Amino acid sequence: MVIVAIGTTLLYLYAEPQNPRAGGSTDRDVLVASEPIPAGTTAKRALAEGSLDIESIPMKDVLEGAVGNIEILDGQVTLVDISPGQQILTTLFGETASTDTE
């Protein structure tokens, strides 16, 4: 769990949006689900199947941990189902998908 927490924190820091007041753009390219993505799907598979798009989103609307580069999620799978229109966040991906057995 500690390693997962550290990894998630490092991914967040890497994907953190630039501060527009520091000379950055007022928009940011972010991966967004274009159709439902079931838990357990790799980011690269979702991209290959056309389930992900890159959208330019105003900085004020970019969620914390939003991903703009698919390489950040290399080797990880969705931990939960992702709905169309949802921004792709580092916290939605991990090493294995959880399943409910009840």
PDB file of N, CA and C in Angstrom:
ATOM      1  N   MET A   1       0.821  -1.193   0.000  1.00  0.00           N
ATOM      2  CA  MET A   1       0.000   0.000   0.000  1.00  0.00           C
ATOM      3  C   MET A   1       0.866   1.258   0.000  1.00  0.00           C
ATOM      4  N   VAL A   2       1.968   1.229   0.735  1.00  0.00           N
ATOM      5  CA  VAL A   2       2.844   2.391   0.799  1.00  0.00           C
ATOM      6  C   VAL A   2       3.414   2.693  -0.579  1.00  0.00           C
ATOM      7  N   ILE A   3       3.817   1.655  -1.299  1.00  0.00           N
ATOM      8  CA  ILE A   3       4.385   1.842  -2.626  1.00  0.00           C
ATOM      9  C   ILE A   3       3.337   2.419  -3.572  1.00  0.00           C
ATOM     10  N   VAL A   4       2.107   1.928  -3.481  1.00  0.00           N
ATOM     11  CA  VAL A   4       1.021   2.452  -4.322  1.00  0.00           C
ATOM     12  C   VAL A   4       0.781   3.919  -4.007  1.00  0.00           C
ATOM     13  N   ALA A   5       0.771   4.275  -2.724  1.00  0.00           N
ATOM     14  CA  ALA A   5       0.547   5.668  -2.326  1.00  0.00           C
ATOM     15  C   ALA A   5       1.669   6.567  -2.839  1.00  0.00           C
ATOM     16  N   ILE A   6       2.900   6.099  -2.728  1.00  0.00           N
ATOM     17  CA  ILE A   6       4.039   6.885  -3.220  1.00  0.00           C
ATOM     18  C   ILE A   6       3.952   7.033  -4.734  1.00  0.00           C
ATOM     19  N   GLY A   7       3.640   5.932  -5.418  1.00  0.00           N
ATOM     20  CA  GLY A   7       3.521   5.975  -6.874  1.00  0.00           C
ATOM     21  C   GLY A   7       2.431   6.923  -7.330  1.00  0.00           C
ATOM     22  N   THR A   8       1.285   6.878  -6.658  1.00  0.00           N
ATOM     23  CA  THR A   8       0.177   7.765  -7.007  1.00  0.00           C
ATOM     24  C   THR A   8       0.566   9.223  -6.788  1.00  0.00           C
ATOM     25  N   THR A   9       1.253   9.493  -5.686  1.00  0.00           N
ATOM     26  CA  THR A   9       1.697  10.859  -5.403  1.00  0.00           C
ATOM     27  C   THR A   9       2.667  11.346  -6.465  1.00  0.00           C
ATOM     28  N   LEU A  10       3.620  10.492  -6.857  1.00  0.00           N
ATOM     29  CA  LEU A  10       4.583  10.876  -7.888  1.00  0.00           C
ATOM     30  C   LEU A  10       3.895  11.115  -9.224  1.00  0.00           C
ATOM     31  N   LEU A  11       2.918  10.272  -9.563  1.00  0.00           N
ATOM     32  CA  LEU A  11       2.169  10.473 -10.803  1.00  0.00           C
ATOM     33  C   LEU A  11       1.400  11.786 -10.772  1.00  0.00           C
ATOM     34  N   TYR A  12       0.795  12.076  -9.623  1.00  0.00           N
ATOM     35  CA  TYR A  12       0.062  13.337  -9.491  1.00  0.00           C
ATOM     36  C   TYR A  12       1.003  14.523  -9.681  1.00  0.00           C
ATOM     37  N   LEU A  13       2.146  14.492  -9.030  1.00  0.00           N
ATOM     38  CA  LEU A  13       3.091  15.598  -9.152  1.00  0.00           C
ATOM     39  C   LEU A  13       3.558  15.767 -10.590  1.00  0.00           C
ATOM     40  N   TYR A  14       3.734  14.654 -11.289  1.00  0.00           N
ATOM     41  CA  TYR A  14       4.169  14.707 -12.679  1.00  0.00           C
ATOM     42  C   TYR A  14       3.062  15.268 -13.571  1.00  0.00           C
ATOM     43  N   ALA A  15       1.808  14.922 -13.285  1.00  0.00           N
ATOM     44  CA  ALA A  15       0.683  15.318 -14.130  1.00  0.00           C
ATOM     45  C   ALA A  15       0.037  16.627 -13.688  1.00  0.00           C
ATOM     46  N   GLU A  16       0.508  17.206 -12.603  1.00  0.00           N
ATOM     47  CA  GLU A  16      -0.101  18.414 -12.052  1.00  0.00           C
ATOM     48  C   GLU A  16      -0.083  19.544 -13.071  1.00  0.00           C
ATOM     49  N   PRO A  17      -1.209  20.232 -13.219  1.00  0.00           N
ATOM     50  CA  PRO A  17      -1.280  21.313 -14.200  1.00  0.00           C
ATOM     51  C   PRO A  17      -0.328  22.449 -13.874  1.00  0.00           C
ATOM     52  N   GLN A  18       0.113  23.147 -14.920  1.00  0.00           N
ATOM     53  CA  GLN A  18       0.984  24.303 -14.747  1.00  0.00           C
ATOM     54  C   GLN A  18       0.162  25.484 -14.228  1.00  0.00           C
ATOM     55  N   ASN A  19       0.782  26.320 -13.463  1.00  0.00           N
ATOM     56  CA  ASN A  19       0.122  27.508 -12.936  1.00  0.00           C
ATOM     57  C   ASN A  19       0.030  28.559 -14.043  1.00  0.00           C
ATOM     58  N   PRO A  20      -1.197  28.958 -14.463  1.00  0.00           N
ATOM     59  CA  PRO A  20      -1.319  29.932 -15.542  1.00  0.00           C
ATOM     60  C   PRO A  20      -0.699  31.277 -15.208  1.00  0.00           C
ATOM     61  N   ARG A  21      -0.631  31.638 -13.943  1.00  0.00           N
ATOM     62  CA  ARG A  21      -0.013  32.909 -13.549  1.00  0.00           C
ATOM     63  C   ARG A  21       1.498  32.877 -13.705  1.00  0.00           C
ATOM     64  N   ALA A  22       2.061  31.683 -13.863  1.00  0.00           N
ATOM     65  CA  ALA A  22       3.507  31.557 -14.013  1.00  0.00           C
ATOM     66  C   ALA A  22       3.892  31.511 -15.492  1.00  0.00           C
ATOM     67  N   GLY A  23       3.031  32.017 -16.368  1.00  0.00           N
ATOM     68  CA  GLY A  23       3.347  32.071 -17.780  1.00  0.00           C
ATOM     69  C   GLY A  23       2.810  30.900 -18.579  1.00  0.00           C
ATOM     70  N   GLY A  24       2.053  30.012 -17.944  1.00  0.00           N
ATOM     71  CA  GLY A  24       1.487  28.865 -18.642  1.00  0.00           C
ATOM     72  C   GLY A  24       0.226  29.257 -19.397  1.00  0.00           C
ATOM     73  N   SER A  25      -0.311  28.333 -20.141  1.00  0.00           N
ATOM     74  CA  SER A  25      -1.523  28.542 -20.914  1.00  0.00           C
ATOM     75  C   SER A  25      -2.749  28.559 -19.997  1.00  0.00           C
ATOM     76  N   THR A  26      -3.841  29.113 -20.500  1.00  0.00           N
ATOM     77  CA  THR A  26      -5.081  29.105 -19.731  1.00  0.00           C
ATOM     78  C   THR A  26      -5.874  27.827 -19.989  1.00  0.00           C
ATOM     79  N   ASP A  27      -5.463  27.036 -20.977  1.00  0.00           N
ATOM     80  CA  ASP A  27      -6.076  25.741 -21.263  1.00  0.00           C
ATOM     81  C   ASP A  27      -5.026  24.647 -21.097  1.00  0.00           C
ATOM     82  N   ARG A  28      -5.515  23.424 -20.895  1.00  0.00           N
ATOM     83  CA  ARG A  28      -4.613  22.282 -20.748  1.00  0.00           C
ATOM     84  C   ARG A  28      -5.217  21.084 -21.463  1.00  0.00           C
ATOM     85  N   ASP A  29      -4.399  20.341 -22.184  1.00  0.00           N
ATOM     86  CA  ASP A  29      -4.849  19.114 -22.835  1.00  0.00           C
ATOM     87  C   ASP A  29      -4.981  18.015 -21.793  1.00  0.00           C
ATOM     88  N   VAL A  30      -6.160  17.383 -21.776  1.00  0.00           N
ATOM     89  CA  VAL A  30      -6.470  16.354 -20.789  1.00  0.00           C
ATOM     90  C   VAL A  30      -7.134  15.185 -21.499  1.00  0.00           C
ATOM     91  N   LEU A  31      -6.803  13.960 -21.072  1.00  0.00           N
ATOM     92  CA  LEU A  31      -7.486  12.781 -21.582  1.00  0.00           C
ATOM     93  C   LEU A  31      -8.883  12.725 -20.977  1.00  0.00           C
ATOM     94  N   VAL A  32      -9.882  12.463 -21.822  1.00  0.00           N
ATOM     95  CA  VAL A  32     -11.275  12.393 -21.398  1.00  0.00           C
ATOM     96  C   VAL A  32     -11.890  11.141 -22.016  1.00  0.00           C
ATOM     97  N   ALA A  33     -12.702  10.425 -21.240  1.00  0.00           N
ATOM     98  CA  ALA A  33     -13.374   9.233 -21.752  1.00  0.00           C
ATOM     99  C   ALA A  33     -14.437   9.648 -22.768  1.00  0.00           C
ATOM    100  N   SER A  34     -14.416   9.021 -23.938  1.00  0.00           N
ATOM    101  CA  SER A  34     -15.412   9.314 -24.965  1.00  0.00           C
ATOM    102  C   SER A  34     -16.536   8.280 -24.955  1.00  0.00           C
ATOM    103  N   GLU A  35     -16.315   7.173 -24.250  1.00  0.00           N
ATOM    104  CA  GLU A  35     -17.328   6.129 -24.074  1.00  0.00           C
ATOM    105  C   GLU A  35     -17.001   5.377 -22.789  1.00  0.00           C
ATOM    106  N   PRO A  36     -17.920   4.552 -22.288  1.00  0.00           N
ATOM    107  CA  PRO A  36     -17.647   3.846 -21.027  1.00  0.00           C
ATOM    108  C   PRO A  36     -16.385   2.985 -21.119  1.00  0.00           C
ATOM    109  N   ILE A  37     -15.601   3.010 -20.043  1.00  0.00           N
ATOM    110  CA  ILE A  37     -14.391   2.190 -19.955  1.00  0.00           C
ATOM    111  C   ILE A  37     -14.542   1.315 -18.716  1.00  0.00           C
ATOM    112  N   PRO A  38     -14.632   0.000 -18.899  1.00  0.00           N
ATOM    113  CA  PRO A  38     -14.826  -0.878 -17.740  1.00  0.00           C
ATOM    114  C   PRO A  38     -13.555  -1.028 -16.897  1.00  0.00           C
ATOM    115  N   ALA A  39     -13.750  -1.306 -15.617  1.00  0.00           N
ATOM    116  CA  ALA A  39     -12.624  -1.561 -14.710  1.00  0.00           C
ATOM    117  C   ALA A  39     -11.781  -2.695 -15.275  1.00  0.00           C
ATOM    118  N   GLY A  40     -10.464  -2.568 -15.129  1.00  0.00           N
ATOM    119  CA  GLY A  40      -9.544  -3.598 -15.605  1.00  0.00           C
ATOM    120  C   GLY A  40      -8.998  -3.342 -16.994  1.00  0.00           C
ATOM    121  N   THR A  41      -9.396  -2.249 -17.641  1.00  0.00           N
ATOM    122  CA  THR A  41      -8.934  -1.904 -18.980  1.00  0.00           C
ATOM    123  C   THR A  41      -7.651  -1.087 -18.882  1.00  0.00           C
ATOM    124  N   THR A  42      -6.651  -1.435 -19.698  1.00  0.00           N
ATOM    125  CA  THR A  42      -5.432  -0.629 -19.718  1.00  0.00           C
ATOM    126  C   THR A  42      -5.705   0.678 -20.445  1.00  0.00           C
ATOM    127  N   ALA A  43      -4.951   1.707 -20.116  1.00  0.00           N
ATOM    128  CA  ALA A  43      -5.121   3.005 -20.767  1.00  0.00           C
ATOM    129  C   ALA A  43      -4.805   2.895 -22.253  1.00  0.00           C
ATOM    130  N   LYS A  44      -3.779   2.155 -22.603  1.00  0.00           N
ATOM    131  CA  LYS A  44      -3.410   2.013 -24.011  1.00  0.00           C
ATOM    132  C   LYS A  44      -4.496   1.285 -24.795  1.00  0.00           C
ATOM    133  N   ARG A  45      -5.131   0.298 -24.177  1.00  0.00           N
ATOM    134  CA  ARG A  45      -6.229  -0.406 -24.853  1.00  0.00           C
ATOM    135  C   ARG A  45      -7.412   0.534 -25.054  1.00  0.00           C
ATOM    136  N   ALA A  46      -7.735   1.311 -24.025  1.00  0.00           N
ATOM    137  CA  ALA A  46      -8.839   2.267 -24.141  1.00  0.00           C
ATOM    138  C   ALA A  46      -8.563   3.267 -25.263  1.00  0.00           C
ATOM    139  N   LEU A  47      -7.333   3.717 -25.387  1.00  0.00           N
ATOM    140  CA  LEU A  47      -6.960   4.651 -26.441  1.00  0.00           C
ATOM    141  C   LEU A  47      -7.073   3.976 -27.805  1.00  0.00           C
ATOM    142  N   ALA A  48      -6.562   2.748 -27.912  1.00  0.00           N
ATOM    143  CA  ALA A  48      -6.606   2.009 -29.178  1.00  0.00           C
ATOM    144  C   ALA A  48      -8.047   1.731 -29.617  1.00  0.00           C
ATOM    145  N   GLU A  49      -8.952   1.532 -28.670  1.00  0.00           N
ATOM    146  CA  GLU A  49     -10.353   1.246 -28.976  1.00  0.00           C
ATOM    147  C   GLU A  49     -11.168   2.526 -29.196  1.00  0.00           C
ATOM    148  N   GLY A  50     -10.527   3.677 -29.100  1.00  0.00           N
ATOM    149  CA  GLY A  50     -11.233   4.937 -29.314  1.00  0.00           C
ATOM    150  C   GLY A  50     -12.051   5.410 -28.130  1.00  0.00           C
ATOM    151  N   SER A  51     -11.757   4.884 -26.945  1.00  0.00           N
ATOM    152  CA  SER A  51     -12.515   5.257 -25.746  1.00  0.00           C
ATOM    153  C   SER A  51     -11.963   6.498 -25.058  1.00  0.00           C
ATOM    154  N   LEU A  52     -10.827   7.015 -25.536  1.00  0.00           N
ATOM    155  CA  LEU A  52     -10.212   8.199 -24.941  1.00  0.00           C
ATOM    156  C   LEU A  52      -9.973   9.252 -26.014  1.00  0.00           C
ATOM    157  N   ASP A  53     -10.201  10.497 -25.650  1.00  0.00           N
ATOM    158  CA  ASP A  53      -9.898  11.635 -26.507  1.00  0.00           C
ATOM    159  C   ASP A  53      -9.051  12.611 -25.703  1.00  0.00           C
ATOM    160  N   ILE A  54      -8.315  13.450 -26.411  1.00  0.00           N
ATOM    161  CA  ILE A  54      -7.604  14.546 -25.754  1.00  0.00           C
ATOM    162  C   ILE A  54      -8.416  15.806 -25.993  1.00  0.00           C
ATOM    163  N   GLU A  55      -8.765  16.496 -24.910  1.00  0.00           N
ATOM    164  CA  GLU A  55      -9.547  17.725 -25.000  1.00  0.00           C
ATOM    165  C   GLU A  55      -8.778  18.863 -24.347  1.00  0.00           C
ATOM    166  N   SER A  56      -8.887  20.039 -24.933  1.00  0.00           N
ATOM    167  CA  SER A  56      -8.302  21.237 -24.353  1.00  0.00           C
ATOM    168  C   SER A  56      -9.337  21.816 -23.397  1.00  0.00           C
ATOM    169  N   ILE A  57      -8.998  21.854 -22.123  1.00  0.00           N
ATOM    170  CA  ILE A  57      -9.938  22.244 -21.069  1.00  0.00           C
ATOM    171  C   ILE A  57      -9.385  23.476 -20.340  1.00  0.00           C
ATOM    172  N   PRO A  58     -10.239  24.449 -20.041  1.00  0.00           N
ATOM    173  CA  PRO A  58      -9.783  25.613 -19.265  1.00  0.00           C
ATOM    174  C   PRO A  58      -9.176  25.150 -17.932  1.00  0.00           C
ATOM    175  N   MET A  59      -8.090  25.768 -17.544  1.00  0.00           N
ATOM    176  CA  MET A  59      -7.379  25.381 -16.324  1.00  0.00           C
ATOM    177  C   MET A  59      -8.294  25.343 -15.106  1.00  0.00           C
ATOM    178  N   LYS A  60      -9.257  26.231 -15.037  1.00  0.00           N
ATOM    179  CA  LYS A  60     -10.147  26.275 -13.870  1.00  0.00           C
ATOM    180  C   LYS A  60     -11.030  25.036 -13.788  1.00  0.00           C
ATOM    181  N   ASP A  61     -11.194  24.317 -14.902  1.00  0.00           N
ATOM    182  CA  ASP A  61     -12.044  23.133 -14.939  1.00  0.00           C
ATOM    183  C   ASP A  61     -11.266  21.817 -14.920  1.00  0.00           C
ATOM    184  N   VAL A  62      -9.933  21.907 -14.955  1.00  0.00           N
ATOM    185  CA  VAL A  62      -9.109  20.699 -14.924  1.00  0.00           C
ATOM    186  C   VAL A  62      -9.075  20.161 -13.494  1.00  0.00           C
ATOM    187  N   LEU A  63      -9.445  18.898 -13.350  1.00  0.00           N
ATOM    188  CA  LEU A  63      -9.464  18.281 -12.026  1.00  0.00           C
ATOM    189  C   LEU A  63      -8.060  17.945 -11.551  1.00  0.00           C
ATOM    190  N   GLU A  64      -7.892  17.908 -10.245  1.00  0.00           N
ATOM    191  CA  GLU A  64      -6.608  17.558  -9.646  1.00  0.00           C
ATOM    192  C   GLU A  64      -6.226  16.136 -10.059  1.00  0.00           C
ATOM    193  N   GLY A  65      -5.011  15.973 -10.566  1.00  0.00           N
ATOM    194  CA  GLY A  65      -4.533  14.656 -10.987  1.00  0.00           C
ATOM    195  C   GLY A  65      -4.925  14.284 -12.406  1.00  0.00           C
ATOM    196  N   ALA A  66      -5.473  15.240 -13.182  1.00  0.00           N
ATOM    197  CA  ALA A  66      -5.856  14.962 -14.563  1.00  0.00           C
ATOM    198  C   ALA A  66      -4.627  14.622 -15.391  1.00  0.00           C
ATOM    199  N   VAL A  67      -4.795  13.682 -16.321  1.00  0.00           N
ATOM    200  CA  VAL A  67      -3.690  13.177 -17.133  1.00  0.00           C
ATOM    201  C   VAL A  67      -3.791  13.727 -18.546  1.00  0.00           C
ATOM    202  N   GLY A  68      -2.678  14.222 -19.050  1.00  0.00           N
ATOM    203  CA  GLY A  68      -2.612  14.698 -20.429  1.00  0.00           C
ATOM    204  C   GLY A  68      -1.733  13.840 -21.295  1.00  0.00           C
ATOM    205  N   ASN A  69      -0.977  12.939 -20.688  1.00  0.00           N
ATOM    206  CA  ASN A  69      -0.039  12.081 -21.413  1.00  0.00           C
ATOM    207  C   ASN A  69      -0.292  10.631 -21.020  1.00  0.00           C
ATOM    208  N   ILE A  70      -0.703   9.823 -21.972  1.00  0.00           N
ATOM    209  CA  ILE A  70      -1.056   8.424 -21.705  1.00  0.00           C
ATOM    210  C   ILE A  70       0.122   7.617 -21.156  1.00  0.00           C
ATOM    211  N   GLU A  71       1.335   8.022 -21.455  1.00  0.00           N
ATOM    212  CA  GLU A  71       2.519   7.281 -20.996  1.00  0.00           C
ATOM    213  C   GLU A  71       2.609   7.233 -19.469  1.00  0.00           C
ATOM    214  N   ILE A  72       2.002   8.199 -18.799  1.00  0.00           N
ATOM    215  CA  ILE A  72       1.991   8.223 -17.334  1.00  0.00           C
ATOM    216  C   ILE A  72       1.305   6.981 -16.776  1.00  0.00           C
ATOM    217  N   LEU A  73       0.344   6.447 -17.540  1.00  0.00           N
ATOM    218  CA  LEU A  73      -0.464   5.315 -17.078  1.00  0.00           C
ATOM    219  C   LEU A  73       0.018   3.985 -17.632  1.00  0.00           C
ATOM    220  N   ASP A  74       1.196   3.954 -18.220  1.00  0.00           N
ATOM    221  CA  ASP A  74       1.727   2.742 -18.838  1.00  0.00           C
ATOM    222  C   ASP A  74       1.755   1.572 -17.849  1.00  0.00           C
ATOM    223  N   GLY A  75       1.156   0.458 -18.254  1.00  0.00           N
ATOM    224  CA  GLY A  75       1.154  -0.750 -17.439  1.00  0.00           C
ATOM    225  C   GLY A  75       0.100  -0.783 -16.355  1.00  0.00           C
ATOM    226  N   GLN A  76      -0.745   0.235 -16.275  1.00  0.00           N
ATOM    227  CA  GLN A  76      -1.780   0.279 -15.249  1.00  0.00           C
ATOM    228  C   GLN A  76      -3.150   0.023 -15.877  1.00  0.00           C
ATOM    229  N   VAL A  77      -4.099  -0.344 -15.020  1.00  0.00           N
ATOM    230  CA  VAL A  77      -5.473  -0.598 -15.461  1.00  0.00           C
ATOM    231  C   VAL A  77      -6.434   0.289 -14.682  1.00  0.00           C
ATOM    232  N   THR A  78      -7.635   0.455 -15.236  1.00  0.00           N
ATOM    233  CA  THR A  78      -8.649   1.235 -14.523  1.00  0.00           C
ATOM    234  C   THR A  78      -9.070   0.468 -13.278  1.00  0.00           C
ATOM    235  N   LEU A  79      -9.175   1.169 -12.180  1.00  0.00           N
ATOM    236  CA  LEU A  79      -9.584   0.557 -10.914  1.00  0.00           C
ATOM    237  C   LEU A  79     -11.099   0.551 -10.760  1.00  0.00           C
ATOM    238  N   VAL A  80     -11.770   1.403 -11.510  1.00  0.00           N
ATOM    239  CA  VAL A  80     -13.232   1.526 -11.472  1.00  0.00           C
ATOM    240  C   VAL A  80     -13.724   1.739 -12.898  1.00  0.00           C
ATOM    241  N   ASP A  81     -15.036   1.597 -13.084  1.00  0.00           N
ATOM    242  CA  ASP A  81     -15.621   1.941 -14.378  1.00  0.00           C
ATOM    243  C   ASP A  81     -15.527   3.454 -14.566  1.00  0.00           C
ATOM    244  N   ILE A  82     -15.233   3.872 -15.796  1.00  0.00           N
ATOM    245  CA  ILE A  82     -15.115   5.293 -16.111  1.00  0.00           C
ATOM    246  C   ILE A  82     -16.233   5.655 -17.080  1.00  0.00           C
ATOM    247  N   SER A  83     -16.927   6.747 -16.797  1.00  0.00           N
ATOM    248  CA  SER A  83     -18.068   7.186 -17.591  1.00  0.00           C
ATOM    249  C   SER A  83     -17.648   8.129 -18.707  1.00  0.00           C
ATOM    250  N   PRO A  84     -18.419   8.169 -19.800  1.00  0.00           N
ATOM    251  CA  PRO A  84     -18.125   9.123 -20.875  1.00  0.00           C
ATOM    252  C   PRO A  84     -18.121  10.557 -20.359  1.00  0.00           C
ATOM    253  N   GLY A  85     -17.168  11.343 -20.848  1.00  0.00           N
ATOM    254  CA  GLY A  85     -17.048  12.732 -20.436  1.00  0.00           C
ATOM    255  C   GLY A  85     -16.191  12.940 -19.204  1.00  0.00           C
ATOM    256  N   GLN A  86     -15.821  11.861 -18.524  1.00  0.00           N
ATOM    257  CA  GLN A  86     -15.029  11.952 -17.295  1.00  0.00           C
ATOM    258  C   GLN A  86     -13.561  12.196 -17.636  1.00  0.00           C
ATOM    259  N   GLN A  87     -12.945  13.154 -16.938  1.00  0.00           N
ATOM    260  CA  GLN A  87     -11.512  13.372 -17.090  1.00  0.00           C
ATOM    261  C   GLN A  87     -10.765  12.168 -16.540  1.00  0.00           C
ATOM    262  N   ILE A  88      -9.672  11.807 -17.184  1.00  0.00           N
ATOM    263  CA  ILE A  88      -8.864  10.678 -16.737  1.00  0.00           C
ATOM    264  C   ILE A  88      -7.903  11.183 -15.669  1.00  0.00           C
ATOM    265  N   LEU A  89      -7.991  10.584 -14.484  1.00  0.00           N
ATOM    266  CA  LEU A  89      -7.193  10.996 -13.332  1.00  0.00           C
ATOM    267  C   LEU A  89      -6.229   9.876 -12.948  1.00  0.00           C
ATOM    268  N   THR A  90      -5.106  10.244 -12.392  1.00  0.00           N
ATOM    269  CA  THR A  90      -4.140   9.234 -11.943  1.00  0.00           C
ATOM    270  C   THR A  90      -4.738   8.327 -10.891  1.00  0.00           C
ATOM    271  N   THR A  91      -5.668   8.834 -10.102  1.00  0.00           N
ATOM    272  CA  THR A  91      -6.266   8.038  -9.029  1.00  0.00           C
ATOM    273  C   THR A  91      -7.230   6.970  -9.542  1.00  0.00           C
ATOM    274  N   LEU A  92      -7.609   7.033 -10.810  1.00  0.00           N
ATOM    275  CA  LEU A  92      -8.514   6.043 -11.386  1.00  0.00           C
ATOM    276  C   LEU A  92      -7.774   4.813 -11.892  1.00  0.00           C
ATOM    277  N   PHE A  93      -6.446   4.859 -11.891  1.00  0.00           N
ATOM    278  CA  PHE A  93      -5.630   3.778 -12.422  1.00  0.00           C
ATOM    279  C   PHE A  93      -4.703   3.207 -11.355  1.00  0.00           C
ATOM    280  N   GLY A  94      -4.363   1.947 -11.501  1.00  0.00           N
ATOM    281  CA  GLY A  94      -3.444   1.285 -10.584  1.00  0.00           C
ATOM    282  C   GLY A  94      -2.998  -0.042 -11.156  1.00  0.00           C
ATOM    283  N   GLU A  95      -2.402  -0.861 -10.305  1.00  0.00           N
ATOM    284  CA  GLU A  95      -1.844  -2.125 -10.750  1.00  0.00           C
ATOM    285  C   GLU A  95      -2.896  -3.195 -11.010  1.00  0.00           C
ATOM    286  N   THR A  96      -3.973  -3.214 -10.212  1.00  0.00           N
ATOM    287  CA  THR A  96      -5.025  -4.209 -10.405  1.00  0.00           C
ATOM    288  C   THR A  96      -6.379  -3.582 -10.156  1.00  0.00           C
ATOM    289  N   ALA A  97      -7.377  -4.119 -10.809  1.00  0.00           N
ATOM    290  CA  ALA A  97      -8.739  -3.624 -10.607  1.00  0.00           C
ATOM    291  C   ALA A  97      -9.352  -4.352  -9.433  1.00  0.00           C
ATOM    292  N   SER A  98     -10.072  -3.639  -8.583  1.00  0.00           N
ATOM    293  CA  SER A  98     -10.760  -4.274  -7.471  1.00  0.00           C
ATOM    294  C   SER A  98     -12.069  -4.846  -7.975  1.00  0.00           C
ATOM    295  N   THR A  99     -12.487  -5.965  -7.406  1.00  0.00           N
ATOM    296  CA  THR A  99     -13.758  -6.558  -7.794  1.00  0.00           C
ATOM    297  C   THR A  99     -14.581  -6.825  -6.553  1.00  0.00           C
ATOM    298  N   ASP A 100     -15.878  -6.695  -6.683  1.00  0.00           N
ATOM    299  CA  ASP A 100     -16.793  -6.941  -5.579  1.00  0.00           C
ATOM    300  C   ASP A 100     -17.343  -8.351  -5.745  1.00  0.00           C
ATOM    301  N   THR A 101     -17.132  -9.229  -4.763  1.00  0.00           N
ATOM    302  CA  THR A 101     -17.544 -10.624  -4.884  1.00  0.00           C
ATOM    303  C   THR A 101     -18.876 -10.886  -4.248  1.00  0.00           C
ATOM    304  N   GLU A 102     -19.495  -9.889  -3.631  1.00  0.00           N
ATOM    305  CA  GLU A 102     -20.799 -10.099  -2.986  1.00  0.00           C
ATOM    306  C   GLU A 102     -21.917  -9.840  -3.942  1.00  0.00           C
TER     307      GLU A 102
END
